[in-house]
Amino acid sequence: MTPHDPPPLSDDALRWQLRALRRDVPPARDLWPDLAARLAATPQVAPAPVQRHRRVAPFALAASVLLAVTMTWQLQRAPQGDAVIQREAAAMTRDYTGVLAQMDAQAKASPEYAPALQALDQSAAEIRHAIATDPQARFLLEQLRRTYARRLALTQRAVMT
């Protein structure tokens, strides 16, 4: 609540305010005859008949066949998902290993970071093993990326101290 809000009403006060609200009053006379007369006076336009576009059907059929053929062709030539994830994980590991190898020599001077660095390395190894076990799990690739990013950030912090 803000200081500008009104104080909350009690149940009785709320009931009295609700009773004071305007109530619906039925009309004094029947309004339907006037409405019916006005509706009868307006010109009625029949809706246009729905035309079937027979000329479009062959093109729609051709587009469907083309889509089916293209999808089949694309699925046949697409590499398997497991190989893609495993290749991405291997490339990511190779890149981070190269960068970390250069920085690890400097980070050895900070032994207080060693347990955390070893834990991150162990986590990365477990994630790589999980990717090898379940190559369809795309979320593992993102988890591996986050683990390597944390490892790199911690190594940079160790080098700076």
C-alpha atoms as a PDB file:
ATOM      1  CA  MET A   1       0.000   0.000   0.000  1.00  0.00           C
ATOM      2  CA  THR A   2       1.091   3.529  -0.662  1.00  0.00           C
ATOM      3  CA  PRO A   3       0.312   6.495   1.567  1.00  0.00           C
ATOM      4  CA  HIS A   4      -2.174   7.731  -1.060  1.00  0.00           C
ATOM      5  CA  ASP A   5      -4.366   4.615  -0.960  1.00  0.00           C
ATOM      6  CA  PRO A   6      -7.667   4.974   0.886  1.00  0.00           C
ATOM      7  CA  PRO A   7      -7.972   3.002   4.106  1.00  0.00           C
ATOM      8  CA  PRO A   8      -9.494  -0.460   3.646  1.00  0.00           C
ATOM      9  CA  LEU A   9     -13.248  -0.652   4.131  1.00  0.00           C
ATOM     10  CA  SER A  10     -14.931  -2.921   6.610  1.00  0.00           C
ATOM     11  CA  ASP A  11     -17.329  -5.560   5.309  1.00  0.00           C
ATOM     12  CA  ASP A  12     -20.354  -3.573   6.452  1.00  0.00           C
ATOM     13  CA  ALA A  13     -19.176  -0.349   4.838  1.00  0.00           C
ATOM     14  CA  LEU A  14     -18.482  -2.207   1.595  1.00  0.00           C
ATOM     15  CA  ARG A  15     -21.972  -3.769   1.623  1.00  0.00           C
ATOM     16  CA  TRP A  16     -23.581  -0.338   2.118  1.00  0.00           C
ATOM     17  CA  GLN A  17     -21.589   1.115  -0.768  1.00  0.00           C
ATOM     18  CA  LEU A  18     -22.584  -1.790  -3.002  1.00  0.00           C
ATOM     19  CA  ARG A  19     -26.260  -1.294  -2.137  1.00  0.00           C
ATOM     20  CA  ALA A  20     -25.967   2.393  -3.053  1.00  0.00           C
ATOM     21  CA  LEU A  21     -24.809   1.584  -6.576  1.00  0.00           C
ATOM     22  CA  ARG A  22     -27.175   2.109  -9.493  1.00  0.00           C
ATOM     23  CA  ARG A  23     -29.525  -0.767 -10.196  1.00  0.00           C
ATOM     24  CA  ASP A  24     -30.804  -1.905 -13.571  1.00  0.00           C
ATOM     25  CA  VAL A  25     -34.320  -0.749 -14.285  1.00  0.00           C
ATOM     26  CA  PRO A  26     -36.406  -2.592 -16.868  1.00  0.00           C
ATOM     27  CA  PRO A  27     -37.771  -0.388 -19.694  1.00  0.00           C
ATOM     28  CA  ALA A  28     -41.242   1.068 -19.230  1.00  0.00           C
ATOM     29  CA  ARG A  29     -42.517  -0.521 -22.451  1.00  0.00           C
ATOM     30  CA  ASP A  30     -41.608  -3.402 -24.732  1.00  0.00           C
ATOM     31  CA  LEU A  31     -38.849  -2.281 -27.136  1.00  0.00           C
ATOM     32  CA  TRP A  32     -38.938  -5.285 -29.459  1.00  0.00           C
ATOM     33  CA  PRO A  33     -41.690  -4.058 -31.868  1.00  0.00           C
ATOM     34  CA  ASP A  34     -39.655  -0.910 -32.657  1.00  0.00           C
ATOM     35  CA  LEU A  35     -36.505  -2.955 -33.201  1.00  0.00           C
ATOM     36  CA  ALA A  36     -38.322  -5.412 -35.476  1.00  0.00           C
ATOM     37  CA  ALA A  37     -39.746  -2.546 -37.547  1.00  0.00           C
ATOM     38  CA  ARG A  38     -36.333  -0.936 -37.964  1.00  0.00           C
ATOM     39  CA  LEU A  39     -34.779  -4.265 -38.942  1.00  0.00           C
ATOM     40  CA  ALA A  40     -37.514  -4.887 -41.511  1.00  0.00           C
ATOM     41  CA  ALA A  41     -36.985  -1.404 -42.984  1.00  0.00           C
ATOM     42  CA  THR A  42     -33.260  -1.918 -43.634  1.00  0.00           C
ATOM     43  CA  PRO A  43     -32.471  -3.635 -46.937  1.00  0.00           C
ATOM     44  CA  GLN A  44     -31.274  -7.187 -46.459  1.00  0.00           C
ATOM     45  CA  VAL A  45     -28.304  -8.146 -48.622  1.00  0.00           C
ATOM     46  CA  ALA A  46     -27.806 -11.835 -49.184  1.00  0.00           C
ATOM     47  CA  PRO A  47     -24.267 -12.974 -48.483  1.00  0.00           C
ATOM     48  CA  ALA A  48     -22.217 -13.728 -51.567  1.00  0.00           C
ATOM     49  CA  PRO A  49     -22.061 -17.424 -52.302  1.00  0.00           C
ATOM     50  CA  VAL A  50     -18.817 -19.042 -51.298  1.00  0.00           C
ATOM     51  CA  GLN A  51     -16.872 -19.870 -54.425  1.00  0.00           C
ATOM     52  CA  ARG A  52     -14.537 -22.760 -54.467  1.00  0.00           C
ATOM     53  CA  HIS A  53     -11.272 -21.801 -56.005  1.00  0.00           C
ATOM     54  CA  ARG A  54     -10.820 -24.801 -58.210  1.00  0.00           C
ATOM     55  CA  ARG A  55      -7.896 -23.204 -59.987  1.00  0.00           C
ATOM     56  CA  VAL A  56      -5.854 -23.093 -56.756  1.00  0.00           C
ATOM     57  CA  ALA A  57      -6.184 -26.787 -55.893  1.00  0.00           C
ATOM     58  CA  PRO A  58      -3.543 -28.062 -58.370  1.00  0.00           C
ATOM     59  CA  PHE A  59      -1.042 -25.477 -57.132  1.00  0.00           C
ATOM     60  CA  ALA A  60      -1.721 -26.393 -53.506  1.00  0.00           C
ATOM     61  CA  LEU A  61      -1.198 -30.060 -54.330  1.00  0.00           C
ATOM     62  CA  ALA A  62       2.053 -29.274 -56.159  1.00  0.00           C
ATOM     63  CA  ALA A  63       3.294 -27.175 -53.228  1.00  0.00           C
ATOM     64  CA  SER A  64       2.519 -29.999 -50.795  1.00  0.00           C
ATOM     65  CA  VAL A  65       4.407 -32.535 -52.898  1.00  0.00           C
ATOM     66  CA  LEU A  66       7.354 -30.150 -53.255  1.00  0.00           C
ATOM     67  CA  LEU A  67       7.418 -29.591 -49.494  1.00  0.00           C
ATOM     68  CA  ALA A  68       7.356 -33.333 -48.794  1.00  0.00           C
ATOM     69  CA  VAL A  69      10.177 -34.013 -51.260  1.00  0.00           C
ATOM     70  CA  THR A  70      12.302 -31.159 -49.907  1.00  0.00           C
ATOM     71  CA  MET A  71      11.830 -32.248 -46.294  1.00  0.00           C
ATOM     72  CA  THR A  72      12.746 -35.841 -47.148  1.00  0.00           C
ATOM     73  CA  TRP A  73      15.846 -34.680 -48.996  1.00  0.00           C
ATOM     74  CA  GLN A  74      16.933 -32.385 -46.154  1.00  0.00           C
ATOM     75  CA  LEU A  75      16.436 -35.056 -43.506  1.00  0.00           C
ATOM     76  CA  GLN A  76      18.467 -37.576 -45.475  1.00  0.00           C
ATOM     77  CA  ARG A  77      21.442 -35.296 -45.960  1.00  0.00           C
ATOM     78  CA  ALA A  78      21.419 -33.772 -42.456  1.00  0.00           C
ATOM     79  CA  PRO A  79      24.112 -35.202 -40.180  1.00  0.00           C
ATOM     80  CA  GLN A  80      23.036 -37.159 -37.164  1.00  0.00           C
ATOM     81  CA  GLY A  81      22.339 -35.056 -34.088  1.00  0.00           C
ATOM     82  CA  ASP A  82      24.571 -37.139 -31.870  1.00  0.00           C
ATOM     83  CA  ALA A  83      27.606 -36.610 -34.102  1.00  0.00           C
ATOM     84  CA  VAL A  84      26.993 -32.867 -34.207  1.00  0.00           C
ATOM     85  CA  ILE A  85      26.752 -32.525 -30.422  1.00  0.00           C
ATOM     86  CA  GLN A  86      29.809 -34.684 -29.871  1.00  0.00           C
ATOM     87  CA  ARG A  87      31.807 -32.700 -32.452  1.00  0.00           C
ATOM     88  CA  GLU A  88      30.745 -29.417 -30.848  1.00  0.00           C
ATOM     89  CA  ALA A  89      31.718 -30.708 -27.405  1.00  0.00           C
ATOM     90  CA  ALA A  90      35.116 -31.883 -28.695  1.00  0.00           C
ATOM     91  CA  ALA A  91      35.774 -28.547 -30.427  1.00  0.00           C
ATOM     92  CA  MET A  92      34.728 -26.616 -27.318  1.00  0.00           C
ATOM     93  CA  THR A  93      36.977 -28.786 -25.145  1.00  0.00           C
ATOM     94  CA  ARG A  94      39.893 -28.293 -27.530  1.00  0.00           C
ATOM     95  CA  ASP A  95      39.444 -24.503 -27.586  1.00  0.00           C
ATOM     96  CA  TYR A  96      39.112 -24.115 -23.833  1.00  0.00           C
ATOM     97  CA  THR A  97      41.965 -26.536 -23.164  1.00  0.00           C
ATOM     98  CA  GLY A  98      44.256 -24.473 -25.361  1.00  0.00           C
ATOM     99  CA  VAL A  99      43.375 -21.234 -23.633  1.00  0.00           C
ATOM    100  CA  LEU A 100      43.477 -22.743 -20.150  1.00  0.00           C
ATOM    101  CA  ALA A 101      46.862 -24.376 -20.769  1.00  0.00           C
ATOM    102  CA  GLN A 102      48.384 -20.959 -21.356  1.00  0.00           C
ATOM    103  CA  MET A 103      46.824 -19.498 -18.220  1.00  0.00           C
ATOM    104  CA  ASP A 104      47.228 -22.484 -15.871  1.00  0.00           C
ATOM    105  CA  ALA A 105      50.978 -21.991 -15.550  1.00  0.00           C
ATOM    106  CA  GLN A 106      50.369 -18.505 -14.172  1.00  0.00           C
ATOM    107  CA  ALA A 107      47.421 -19.664 -12.024  1.00  0.00           C
ATOM    108  CA  LYS A 108      49.584 -22.237 -10.181  1.00  0.00           C
ATOM    109  CA  ALA A 109      50.892 -19.354  -8.050  1.00  0.00           C
ATOM    110  CA  SER A 110      47.441 -19.135  -6.379  1.00  0.00           C
ATOM    111  CA  PRO A 111      46.923 -22.454  -4.556  1.00  0.00           C
ATOM    112  CA  GLU A 112      43.700 -21.268  -2.885  1.00  0.00           C
ATOM    113  CA  TYR A 113      41.909 -21.596  -6.231  1.00  0.00           C
ATOM    114  CA  ALA A 114      43.155 -25.155  -6.889  1.00  0.00           C
ATOM    115  CA  PRO A 115      40.202 -27.055  -5.294  1.00  0.00           C
ATOM    116  CA  ALA A 116      37.639 -25.029  -7.216  1.00  0.00           C
ATOM    117  CA  LEU A 117      39.563 -25.421 -10.479  1.00  0.00           C
ATOM    118  CA  GLN A 118      39.793 -29.187  -9.925  1.00  0.00           C
ATOM    119  CA  ALA A 119      36.064 -29.381  -9.182  1.00  0.00           C
ATOM    120  CA  LEU A 120      35.249 -27.538 -12.413  1.00  0.00           C
ATOM    121  CA  ASP A 121      37.588 -29.827 -14.362  1.00  0.00           C
ATOM    122  CA  GLN A 122      35.858 -32.853 -12.815  1.00  0.00           C
ATOM    123  CA  SER A 123      32.448 -31.412 -13.727  1.00  0.00           C
ATOM    124  CA  ALA A 124      33.548 -30.858 -17.327  1.00  0.00           C
ATOM    125  CA  ALA A 125      34.809 -34.454 -17.523  1.00  0.00           C
ATOM    126  CA  GLU A 126      31.482 -35.756 -16.180  1.00  0.00           C
ATOM    127  CA  ILE A 127      29.532 -33.670 -18.684  1.00  0.00           C
ATOM    128  CA  ARG A 128      31.706 -34.938 -21.556  1.00  0.00           C
ATOM    129  CA  HIS A 129      31.060 -38.503 -20.349  1.00  0.00           C
ATOM    130  CA  ALA A 130      27.307 -37.772 -20.208  1.00  0.00           C
ATOM    131  CA  ILE A 131      27.422 -36.427 -23.780  1.00  0.00           C
ATOM    132  CA  ALA A 132      29.137 -39.638 -24.897  1.00  0.00           C
ATOM    133  CA  THR A 133      26.458 -41.656 -23.083  1.00  0.00           C
ATOM    134  CA  ASP A 134      23.479 -39.628 -24.347  1.00  0.00           C
ATOM    135  CA  PRO A 135      24.476 -37.838 -27.556  1.00  0.00           C
ATOM    136  CA  GLN A 136      20.944 -36.478 -28.125  1.00  0.00           C
ATOM    137  CA  ALA A 137      20.978 -34.299 -24.976  1.00  0.00           C
ATOM    138  CA  ARG A 138      21.561 -30.808 -26.324  1.00  0.00           C
ATOM    139  CA  PHE A 139      21.291 -29.230 -22.876  1.00  0.00           C
ATOM    140  CA  LEU A 140      24.549 -30.963 -21.913  1.00  0.00           C
ATOM    141  CA  LEU A 141      26.409 -28.971 -24.542  1.00  0.00           C
ATOM    142  CA  GLU A 142      25.162 -25.727 -22.988  1.00  0.00           C
ATOM    143  CA  GLN A 143      26.073 -27.027 -19.519  1.00  0.00           C
ATOM    144  CA  LEU A 144      29.589 -27.834 -20.763  1.00  0.00           C
ATOM    145  CA  ARG A 145      29.897 -24.318 -22.200  1.00  0.00           C
ATOM    146  CA  ARG A 146      28.847 -22.763 -18.879  1.00  0.00           C
ATOM    147  CA  THR A 147      31.273 -24.974 -16.961  1.00  0.00           C
ATOM    148  CA  TYR A 148      34.165 -24.019 -19.223  1.00  0.00           C
ATOM    149  CA  ALA A 149      33.207 -20.342 -18.974  1.00  0.00           C
ATOM    150  CA  ARG A 150      33.263 -20.566 -15.158  1.00  0.00           C
ATOM    151  CA  ARG A 151      36.595 -22.389 -15.294  1.00  0.00           C
ATOM    152  CA  LEU A 152      38.043 -19.701 -17.543  1.00  0.00           C
ATOM    153  CA  ALA A 153      36.731 -16.880 -15.332  1.00  0.00           C
ATOM    154  CA  LEU A 154      38.145 -18.508 -12.191  1.00  0.00           C
ATOM    155  CA  THR A 155      41.497 -19.078 -13.898  1.00  0.00           C
ATOM    156  CA  GLN A 156      41.599 -15.423 -14.944  1.00  0.00           C
ATOM    157  CA  ARG A 157      40.827 -14.403 -11.377  1.00  0.00           C
ATOM    158  CA  ALA A 158      43.624 -16.666 -10.112  1.00  0.00           C
ATOM    159  CA  VAL A 159      46.071 -15.146 -12.593  1.00  0.00           C
ATOM    160  CA  MET A 160      45.132 -11.615 -11.535  1.00  0.00           C
ATOM    161  CA  THR A 161      45.819 -12.281  -7.848  1.00  0.00           C
END
